[in-house]
Amino acid sequence: MDVAIASVNMAAGEEIQKVFRAWMGQYRDMSHCNITIFTDCNKLKEYFSRCVFQVIIIDTNVAQNSGIEFACELRKCFKNFFLLFVSDNADLIYDSFVAEPIYFLNKKHLFTDMKKAMDALVKKMFLGRENVPFVWKVGVSNKSMHPKNIVYIYKDKNALVFITEKGSQYKIRGTISQIEEDLKPYNFVKIECGCLVNLFYVSHIEGIQLYLKNGTQLYISRRNKHLVEQSFYDYTHQ
């Protein structure tokens, strides 16, 4: 797991890193956790264009006290990351919602708030479970994929097409019913008989249209509409 911290200075960034690592120590993924501290937001944005961070922690005071605006800028470019805000101004909590943070941490209560932030990440199914990929047959070879990296899966004749967060496509022989139960714990929902979608990548729902964060539109069957809406509501309000 790769984590970025955007802080006003290195000392403040190291303090956030110290607290983050203290709580991350209880998870198995800790040994794979790489943390990079940035005091220059432009460098973070440039770096992120080449290397994806799964978690970004932003001090609201960075970028001339425009940390929220910077987070929104990142969302427009990259979208799929978990965001935490750290601030000494609790009044900004409602303003921060526009950037879709997982948690807003108060600097005065950084240690206790970080534990709550970790719990929120666990509920989003990003942490707290073994980082073991599924292995599917692709042609004459096996393809290993983590469910969290799969955006959606749709049926194409006698095969399934897996669409990943990087835009790659993999065709695998099988049926939706064969993999549906395996993927339910990872927040996948069936939007129609031939399509499963990872709720993490869903932006919003309008009528029978489901919009992904990358702009893709998918059709929801009327039979599944209520289930999809309820699943999306439960996921976003965890």
C-alpha atoms as a PDB file:
ATOM      1  CA  MET A   1       0.000   0.000   0.000  1.00  0.00           C
ATOM      2  CA  ASP A   2       1.293   3.458  -0.949  1.00  0.00           C
ATOM      3  CA  VAL A   3       0.382   6.477   1.184  1.00  0.00           C
ATOM      4  CA  ALA A   4       1.047  10.170   0.520  1.00  0.00           C
ATOM      5  CA  ILE A   5       1.058  12.893   3.161  1.00  0.00           C
ATOM      6  CA  ALA A   6       0.751  16.532   2.082  1.00  0.00           C
ATOM      7  CA  SER A   7       1.927  18.700   4.973  1.00  0.00           C
ATOM      8  CA  VAL A   8       2.950  22.305   5.615  1.00  0.00           C
ATOM      9  CA  ASN A   9       6.450  21.189   6.645  1.00  0.00           C
ATOM     10  CA  MET A  10       8.456  18.012   7.110  1.00  0.00           C
ATOM     11  CA  ALA A  11       8.179  18.012  10.924  1.00  0.00           C
ATOM     12  CA  ALA A  12       4.378  18.150  10.785  1.00  0.00           C
ATOM     13  CA  GLY A  13       4.328  15.468   8.086  1.00  0.00           C
ATOM     14  CA  GLU A  14       6.523  13.174  10.162  1.00  0.00           C
ATOM     15  CA  GLU A  15       4.191  13.573  13.128  1.00  0.00           C
ATOM     16  CA  ILE A  16       1.221  12.511  10.994  1.00  0.00           C
ATOM     17  CA  GLN A  17       3.261   9.607   9.647  1.00  0.00           C
ATOM     18  CA  LYS A  18       4.210   8.509  13.158  1.00  0.00           C
ATOM     19  CA  VAL A  19       0.589   8.404  14.315  1.00  0.00           C
ATOM     20  CA  PHE A  20      -0.573   6.721  11.114  1.00  0.00           C
ATOM     21  CA  ARG A  21       2.028   3.974  11.465  1.00  0.00           C
ATOM     22  CA  ALA A  22       1.177   3.508  15.150  1.00  0.00           C
ATOM     23  CA  TRP A  23      -2.382   2.495  14.273  1.00  0.00           C
ATOM     24  CA  MET A  24      -1.510   0.709  11.021  1.00  0.00           C
ATOM     25  CA  GLY A  25       0.680  -1.685  12.988  1.00  0.00           C
ATOM     26  CA  GLN A  26      -2.364  -3.774  13.867  1.00  0.00           C
ATOM     27  CA  TYR A  27      -3.008  -4.641  10.200  1.00  0.00           C
ATOM     28  CA  ARG A  28      -1.184  -7.223   8.133  1.00  0.00           C
ATOM     29  CA  ASP A  29      -0.714  -4.796   5.249  1.00  0.00           C
ATOM     30  CA  MET A  30       1.572  -2.674   7.406  1.00  0.00           C
ATOM     31  CA  SER A  31       4.689  -4.432   6.101  1.00  0.00           C
ATOM     32  CA  HIS A  32       3.766  -3.237   2.592  1.00  0.00           C
ATOM     33  CA  CYS A  33       2.937   0.326   3.592  1.00  0.00           C
ATOM     34  CA  ASN A  34       5.131   2.937   1.879  1.00  0.00           C
ATOM     35  CA  ILE A  35       4.638   6.517   3.077  1.00  0.00           C
ATOM     36  CA  THR A  36       5.900   9.570   1.200  1.00  0.00           C
ATOM     37  CA  ILE A  37       5.725  13.057   2.702  1.00  0.00           C
ATOM     38  CA  PHE A  38       5.261  16.068   0.410  1.00  0.00           C
ATOM     39  CA  THR A  39       5.595  19.698   1.460  1.00  0.00           C
ATOM     40  CA  ASP A  40       5.061  20.830  -2.138  1.00  0.00           C
ATOM     41  CA  CYS A  41       1.606  20.014  -3.518  1.00  0.00           C
ATOM     42  CA  ASN A  42       2.766  20.392  -7.115  1.00  0.00           C
ATOM     43  CA  LYS A  43       5.344  17.657  -6.559  1.00  0.00           C
ATOM     44  CA  LEU A  44       2.659  15.403  -5.097  1.00  0.00           C
ATOM     45  CA  LYS A  45       0.417  15.963  -8.103  1.00  0.00           C
ATOM     46  CA  GLU A  46       3.309  15.342 -10.507  1.00  0.00           C
ATOM     47  CA  TYR A  47       4.323  12.184  -8.652  1.00  0.00           C
ATOM     48  CA  PHE A  48       0.744  10.918  -8.494  1.00  0.00           C
ATOM     49  CA  SER A  49       0.454  11.181 -12.276  1.00  0.00           C
ATOM     50  CA  ARG A  50       3.067   8.394 -12.454  1.00  0.00           C
ATOM     51  CA  CYS A  51       2.401   6.386  -9.274  1.00  0.00           C
ATOM     52  CA  VAL A  52      -1.016   5.769  -7.719  1.00  0.00           C
ATOM     53  CA  PHE A  53      -1.432   6.329  -3.980  1.00  0.00           C
ATOM     54  CA  GLN A  54      -4.210   4.329  -2.330  1.00  0.00           C
ATOM     55  CA  VAL A  55      -4.418   6.740   0.634  1.00  0.00           C
ATOM     56  CA  ILE A  56      -3.694  10.482   0.669  1.00  0.00           C
ATOM     57  CA  ILE A  57      -3.583  12.494   3.896  1.00  0.00           C
ATOM     58  CA  ILE A  58      -3.821  16.260   3.374  1.00  0.00           C
ATOM     59  CA  ASP A  59      -3.256  19.039   5.891  1.00  0.00           C
ATOM     60  CA  THR A  60      -5.865  21.694   5.120  1.00  0.00           C
ATOM     61  CA  ASN A  61      -3.180  24.353   5.635  1.00  0.00           C
ATOM     62  CA  VAL A  62      -1.093  23.274   2.635  1.00  0.00           C
ATOM     63  CA  ALA A  63      -1.125  25.219  -0.639  1.00  0.00           C
ATOM     64  CA  GLN A  64      -1.627  28.554   1.107  1.00  0.00           C
ATOM     65  CA  ASN A  65      -4.383  27.149   3.332  1.00  0.00           C
ATOM     66  CA  SER A  66      -6.163  25.649   0.320  1.00  0.00           C
ATOM     67  CA  GLY A  67      -5.770  21.968   1.112  1.00  0.00           C
ATOM     68  CA  ILE A  68      -9.441  21.244   0.405  1.00  0.00           C
ATOM     69  CA  GLU A  69      -9.244  22.903  -3.004  1.00  0.00           C
ATOM     70  CA  PHE A  70      -6.097  20.909  -3.766  1.00  0.00           C
ATOM     71  CA  ALA A  71      -7.863  17.671  -2.814  1.00  0.00           C
ATOM     72  CA  CYS A  72     -10.714  18.533  -5.190  1.00  0.00           C
ATOM     73  CA  GLU A  73      -8.145  19.136  -7.925  1.00  0.00           C
ATOM     74  CA  LEU A  74      -6.698  15.674  -7.330  1.00  0.00           C
ATOM     75  CA  ARG A  75     -10.184  14.149  -7.416  1.00  0.00           C
ATOM     76  CA  LYS A  76     -10.794  15.617 -10.870  1.00  0.00           C
ATOM     77  CA  CYS A  77      -7.607  14.027 -12.192  1.00  0.00           C
ATOM     78  CA  PHE A  78      -7.380  10.714 -10.375  1.00  0.00           C
ATOM     79  CA  LYS A  79     -10.567  10.116  -8.334  1.00  0.00           C
ATOM     80  CA  ASN A  80      -9.929   6.635  -6.914  1.00  0.00           C
ATOM     81  CA  PHE A  81      -8.068   7.081  -3.650  1.00  0.00           C
ATOM     82  CA  PHE A  82      -9.003   7.249   0.021  1.00  0.00           C
ATOM     83  CA  LEU A  83      -8.688  10.753   1.449  1.00  0.00           C
ATOM     84  CA  LEU A  84      -8.063  11.896   5.015  1.00  0.00           C
ATOM     85  CA  PHE A  85      -7.943  15.540   6.066  1.00  0.00           C
ATOM     86  CA  VAL A  86      -5.930  16.818   9.034  1.00  0.00           C
ATOM     87  CA  SER A  87      -6.761  20.281  10.330  1.00  0.00           C
ATOM     88  CA  ASP A  88      -6.577  22.612  13.317  1.00  0.00           C
ATOM     89  CA  ASN A  89      -9.819  24.241  12.173  1.00  0.00           C
ATOM     90  CA  ALA A  90     -12.851  22.079  12.953  1.00  0.00           C
ATOM     91  CA  ASP A  91     -15.115  24.568  11.158  1.00  0.00           C
ATOM     92  CA  LEU A  92     -13.797  23.245   7.838  1.00  0.00           C
ATOM     93  CA  ILE A  93     -15.284  19.799   8.290  1.00  0.00           C
ATOM     94  CA  TYR A  94     -18.433  20.585   6.284  1.00  0.00           C
ATOM     95  CA  ASP A  95     -16.477  22.402   3.572  1.00  0.00           C
ATOM     96  CA  SER A  96     -14.298  19.299   3.196  1.00  0.00           C
ATOM     97  CA  PHE A  97     -17.216  17.063   2.150  1.00  0.00           C
ATOM     98  CA  VAL A  98     -16.914  18.273  -1.447  1.00  0.00           C
ATOM     99  CA  ALA A  99     -13.618  16.347  -1.745  1.00  0.00           C
ATOM    100  CA  GLU A 100     -15.200  13.093  -0.446  1.00  0.00           C
ATOM    101  CA  PRO A 101     -12.885  12.388   2.520  1.00  0.00           C
ATOM    102  CA  ILE A 102     -13.111   9.189   4.539  1.00  0.00           C
ATOM    103  CA  TYR A 103     -12.412  11.114   7.733  1.00  0.00           C
ATOM    104  CA  PHE A 104     -11.593  14.619   9.011  1.00  0.00           C
ATOM    105  CA  LEU A 105      -8.968  14.548  11.779  1.00  0.00           C
ATOM    106  CA  ASN A 106      -8.569  17.309  14.354  1.00  0.00           C
ATOM    107  CA  LYS A 107      -4.885  18.061  15.016  1.00  0.00           C
ATOM    108  CA  LYS A 108      -5.638  18.514  18.713  1.00  0.00           C
ATOM    109  CA  HIS A 109      -6.904  14.927  18.866  1.00  0.00           C
ATOM    110  CA  LEU A 110      -4.706  13.420  16.160  1.00  0.00           C
ATOM    111  CA  PHE A 111      -3.965  10.133  17.900  1.00  0.00           C
ATOM    112  CA  THR A 112      -7.544   9.246  18.842  1.00  0.00           C
ATOM    113  CA  ASP A 113      -8.969  10.578  15.582  1.00  0.00           C
ATOM    114  CA  MET A 114      -6.494   8.491  13.584  1.00  0.00           C
ATOM    115  CA  LYS A 115      -7.900   5.328  15.182  1.00  0.00           C
ATOM    116  CA  LYS A 116     -11.386   6.366  14.032  1.00  0.00           C
ATOM    117  CA  ALA A 117     -10.015   7.058  10.561  1.00  0.00           C
ATOM    118  CA  MET A 118      -8.497   3.573  10.435  1.00  0.00           C
ATOM    119  CA  ASP A 119     -11.842   2.074  11.441  1.00  0.00           C
ATOM    120  CA  ALA A 120     -13.498   4.005   8.609  1.00  0.00           C
ATOM    121  CA  LEU A 121     -10.977   2.614   6.133  1.00  0.00           C
ATOM    122  CA  VAL A 122     -11.653  -0.909   7.383  1.00  0.00           C
ATOM    123  CA  LYS A 123     -15.381  -0.453   6.784  1.00  0.00           C
ATOM    124  CA  LYS A 124     -14.615   0.541   3.205  1.00  0.00           C
ATOM    125  CA  MET A 125     -13.023  -2.903   2.791  1.00  0.00           C
ATOM    126  CA  PHE A 126      -9.662  -1.398   1.953  1.00  0.00           C
ATOM    127  CA  LEU A 127      -7.839  -2.600   5.048  1.00  0.00           C
ATOM    128  CA  GLY A 128      -8.382  -5.280   7.645  1.00  0.00           C
ATOM    129  CA  ARG A 129      -8.514  -8.302   5.362  1.00  0.00           C
ATOM    130  CA  GLU A 130      -5.729 -10.373   3.880  1.00  0.00           C
ATOM    131  CA  ASN A 131      -4.397  -8.859   0.682  1.00  0.00           C
ATOM    132  CA  VAL A 132      -4.832 -12.092  -1.279  1.00  0.00           C
ATOM    133  CA  PRO A 133      -5.750 -11.833  -4.972  1.00  0.00           C
ATOM    134  CA  PHE A 134      -8.131 -14.058  -6.846  1.00  0.00           C
ATOM    135  CA  VAL A 135      -6.659 -16.127  -9.664  1.00  0.00           C
ATOM    136  CA  TRP A 136      -8.649 -16.565 -12.875  1.00  0.00           C
ATOM    137  CA  LYS A 137      -7.888 -18.412 -16.086  1.00  0.00           C
ATOM    138  CA  VAL A 138      -7.042 -16.079 -18.989  1.00  0.00           C
ATOM    139  CA  GLY A 139      -6.377 -17.958 -22.219  1.00  0.00           C
ATOM    140  CA  VAL A 140      -3.738 -20.578 -21.475  1.00  0.00           C
ATOM    141  CA  SER A 141      -2.410 -18.773 -18.404  1.00  0.00           C
ATOM    142  CA  ASN A 142      -3.648 -17.657 -15.000  1.00  0.00           C
ATOM    143  CA  LYS A 143      -4.316 -14.002 -14.176  1.00  0.00           C
ATOM    144  CA  SER A 144      -4.047 -12.773 -10.579  1.00  0.00           C
ATOM    145  CA  MET A 145      -6.272  -9.779  -9.715  1.00  0.00           C
ATOM    146  CA  HIS A 146      -7.223  -8.074  -6.478  1.00  0.00           C
ATOM    147  CA  PRO A 147     -10.999  -7.473  -6.285  1.00  0.00           C
ATOM    148  CA  LYS A 148     -10.394  -3.866  -5.151  1.00  0.00           C
ATOM    149  CA  ASN A 149      -8.701  -3.168  -8.515  1.00  0.00           C
ATOM    150  CA  ILE A 150     -11.665  -4.417 -10.569  1.00  0.00           C
ATOM    151  CA  VAL A 151     -14.133  -1.697 -11.576  1.00  0.00           C
ATOM    152  CA  TYR A 152     -16.810  -3.896 -13.123  1.00  0.00           C
ATOM    153  CA  ILE A 153     -17.375  -7.250 -14.828  1.00  0.00           C
ATOM    154  CA  TYR A 154     -19.801  -7.940 -17.654  1.00  0.00           C
ATOM    155  CA  LYS A 155     -20.896 -11.008 -19.591  1.00  0.00           C
ATOM    156  CA  ASP A 156     -19.868 -11.400 -23.223  1.00  0.00           C
ATOM    157  CA  LYS A 157     -21.364 -14.570 -24.699  1.00  0.00           C
ATOM    158  CA  ASN A 158     -19.674 -17.473 -22.843  1.00  0.00           C
ATOM    159  CA  ALA A 159     -17.060 -15.294 -21.189  1.00  0.00           C
ATOM    160  CA  LEU A 160     -16.706 -12.563 -18.595  1.00  0.00           C
ATOM    161  CA  VAL A 161     -14.853  -9.315 -19.273  1.00  0.00           C
ATOM    162  CA  PHE A 162     -13.018  -7.789 -16.290  1.00  0.00           C
ATOM    163  CA  ILE A 163     -12.410  -4.026 -16.447  1.00  0.00           C
ATOM    164  CA  THR A 164      -9.676  -2.814 -14.068  1.00  0.00           C
ATOM    165  CA  GLU A 165      -9.025   0.627 -12.563  1.00  0.00           C
ATOM    166  CA  LYS A 166      -6.180   1.151 -15.060  1.00  0.00           C
ATOM    167  CA  GLY A 167      -8.491   0.467 -17.995  1.00  0.00           C
ATOM    168  CA  SER A 168      -7.156  -3.020 -18.771  1.00  0.00           C
ATOM    169  CA  GLN A 169      -9.572  -5.694 -19.977  1.00  0.00           C
ATOM    170  CA  TYR A 170      -9.320  -9.426 -19.365  1.00  0.00           C
ATOM    171  CA  LYS A 171     -11.662 -12.018 -20.857  1.00  0.00           C
ATOM    172  CA  ILE A 172     -12.248 -15.137 -18.785  1.00  0.00           C
ATOM    173  CA  ARG A 173     -14.559 -18.065 -19.447  1.00  0.00           C
ATOM    174  CA  GLY A 174     -17.311 -18.324 -16.861  1.00  0.00           C
ATOM    175  CA  THR A 175     -20.629 -16.950 -15.648  1.00  0.00           C
ATOM    176  CA  ILE A 176     -21.657 -14.142 -13.331  1.00  0.00           C
ATOM    177  CA  SER A 177     -23.230 -16.612 -10.913  1.00  0.00           C
ATOM    178  CA  GLN A 178     -19.909 -18.445 -10.538  1.00  0.00           C
ATOM    179  CA  ILE A 179     -18.113 -15.382  -9.132  1.00  0.00           C
ATOM    180  CA  GLU A 180     -20.934 -13.327  -7.593  1.00  0.00           C
ATOM    181  CA  GLU A 181     -20.757 -14.873  -4.124  1.00  0.00           C
ATOM    182  CA  ASP A 182     -16.952 -14.635  -4.033  1.00  0.00           C
ATOM    183  CA  LEU A 183     -17.060 -10.897  -4.739  1.00  0.00           C
ATOM    184  CA  LYS A 184     -19.926  -9.855  -2.443  1.00  0.00           C
ATOM    185  CA  PRO A 185     -17.593  -9.254   0.563  1.00  0.00           C
ATOM    186  CA  TYR A 186     -15.696  -6.787  -1.631  1.00  0.00           C
ATOM    187  CA  ASN A 187     -18.724  -4.534  -2.204  1.00  0.00           C
ATOM    188  CA  PHE A 188     -19.716  -5.753  -5.659  1.00  0.00           C
ATOM    189  CA  VAL A 189     -23.362  -5.493  -6.622  1.00  0.00           C
ATOM    190  CA  LYS A 190     -25.245  -7.001  -9.564  1.00  0.00           C
ATOM    191  CA  ILE A 191     -26.819  -4.150 -11.541  1.00  0.00           C
ATOM    192  CA  GLU A 192     -28.347  -6.469 -14.133  1.00  0.00           C
ATOM    193  CA  CYS A 193     -28.129 -10.154 -14.960  1.00  0.00           C
ATOM    194  CA  GLY A 194     -24.840  -9.838 -16.821  1.00  0.00           C
ATOM    195  CA  CYS A 195     -22.943  -7.198 -14.889  1.00  0.00           C
ATOM    196  CA  LEU A 196     -21.276  -6.790 -11.459  1.00  0.00           C
ATOM    197  CA  VAL A 197     -19.976  -3.392 -10.310  1.00  0.00           C
ATOM    198  CA  ASN A 198     -17.525  -2.451  -7.550  1.00  0.00           C
ATOM    199  CA  LEU A 199     -19.336   0.201  -5.464  1.00  0.00           C
ATOM    200  CA  PHE A 200     -16.054   1.994  -4.690  1.00  0.00           C
ATOM    201  CA  TYR A 201     -15.924   3.212  -8.296  1.00  0.00           C
ATOM    202  CA  VAL A 202     -19.543   4.415  -8.434  1.00  0.00           C
ATOM    203  CA  SER A 203     -20.100   8.171  -8.564  1.00  0.00           C
ATOM    204  CA  HIS A 204     -23.895   8.371  -8.446  1.00  0.00           C
ATOM    205  CA  ILE A 205     -27.144   6.865  -9.680  1.00  0.00           C
ATOM    206  CA  GLU A 206     -29.827   8.612 -11.725  1.00  0.00           C
ATOM    207  CA  GLY A 207     -32.919   6.595 -12.479  1.00  0.00           C
ATOM    208  CA  ILE A 208     -31.773   3.416 -14.191  1.00  0.00           C
ATOM    209  CA  GLN A 209     -28.346   4.832 -15.067  1.00  0.00           C
ATOM    210  CA  LEU A 210     -25.315   4.156 -12.884  1.00  0.00           C
ATOM    211  CA  TYR A 211     -22.384   6.556 -13.321  1.00  0.00           C
ATOM    212  CA  LEU A 212     -18.824   5.506 -12.543  1.00  0.00           C
ATOM    213  CA  LYS A 213     -16.209   7.985 -11.326  1.00  0.00           C
ATOM    214  CA  ASN A 214     -14.413   7.721 -14.665  1.00  0.00           C
ATOM    215  CA  GLY A 215     -17.536   8.888 -16.522  1.00  0.00           C
ATOM    216  CA  THR A 216     -18.705   5.475 -17.749  1.00  0.00           C
ATOM    217  CA  GLN A 217     -22.482   4.951 -17.717  1.00  0.00           C
ATOM    218  CA  LEU A 218     -24.004   1.540 -17.057  1.00  0.00           C
ATOM    219  CA  TYR A 219     -27.593   0.352 -17.238  1.00  0.00           C
ATOM    220  CA  ILE A 220     -29.440  -0.885 -14.126  1.00  0.00           C
ATOM    221  CA  SER A 221     -32.245  -3.341 -14.742  1.00  0.00           C
ATOM    222  CA  ARG A 222     -35.573  -2.272 -13.265  1.00  0.00           C
ATOM    223  CA  ARG A 223     -35.668  -5.557 -11.368  1.00  0.00           C
ATOM    224  CA  ASN A 224     -32.380  -4.738  -9.600  1.00  0.00           C
ATOM    225  CA  LYS A 225     -32.882  -0.991  -9.232  1.00  0.00           C
ATOM    226  CA  HIS A 226     -33.999  -0.981  -5.586  1.00  0.00           C
ATOM    227  CA  LEU A 227     -31.251  -3.416  -4.531  1.00  0.00           C
ATOM    228  CA  VAL A 228     -28.562  -1.357  -6.272  1.00  0.00           C
ATOM    229  CA  GLU A 229     -29.785   1.906  -4.777  1.00  0.00           C
ATOM    230  CA  GLN A 230     -29.939   0.398  -1.289  1.00  0.00           C
ATOM    231  CA  SER A 231     -26.486  -1.189  -1.645  1.00  0.00           C
ATOM    232  CA  PHE A 232     -24.979   2.100  -2.814  1.00  0.00           C
ATOM    233  CA  TYR A 233     -26.666   3.998   0.041  1.00  0.00           C
ATOM    234  CA  ASP A 234     -25.422   1.497   2.639  1.00  0.00           C
ATOM    235  CA  TYR A 235     -21.896   1.627   1.213  1.00  0.00           C
ATOM    236  CA  THR A 236     -21.652   5.424   1.163  1.00  0.00           C
ATOM    237  CA  HIS A 237     -23.120   5.783   4.671  1.00  0.00           C
ATOM    238  CA  GLN A 238     -20.952   3.228   6.456  1.00  0.00           C
END
